[in-house]
Protein backbone atom coordinates (compact mmCIF):
# COMPACT_ATOMS: atom_id res chain seq x y z
CA UNK A 1 145.25 112.90 107.65
CA UNK A 2 147.66 111.01 105.20
CA UNK A 3 145.07 111.20 101.68
CA UNK A 4 146.65 111.12 98.19
CA UNK A 5 147.46 114.65 96.46
CA UNK A 6 143.70 114.75 94.38
CA UNK A 7 141.66 113.10 96.78
CA UNK A 8 143.35 116.18 98.90
CA UNK A 9 143.04 118.96 96.43
CA UNK A 10 139.01 118.03 95.85
CA UNK A 11 138.85 118.37 99.47
CA UNK A 12 140.09 121.33 100.05
CA UNK A 13 138.03 123.13 97.07
CA UNK A 14 134.49 121.35 98.69
CA UNK A 15 135.55 122.81 102.01
CA UNK A 16 135.91 126.50 100.63
CA UNK A 17 132.65 126.07 99.25
CA UNK A 18 131.06 125.40 102.02
CA UNK A 19 133.05 127.90 103.81
CA UNK A 20 131.75 131.00 101.34
CA UNK A 21 128.35 129.53 100.55
CA UNK A 22 127.77 129.95 104.31
CA UNK A 23 129.24 132.65 104.75
CA UNK A 24 127.01 134.18 101.74
CA UNK A 25 124.04 132.82 103.57
CA UNK A 26 122.99 130.00 101.68
């Protein structure tokens, strides 16, 4: 995926948050 910097950062934060919430079982 060739994405602009800001969009790429937002996706990383979104995916990271999803993994954390999933790990907590929320």
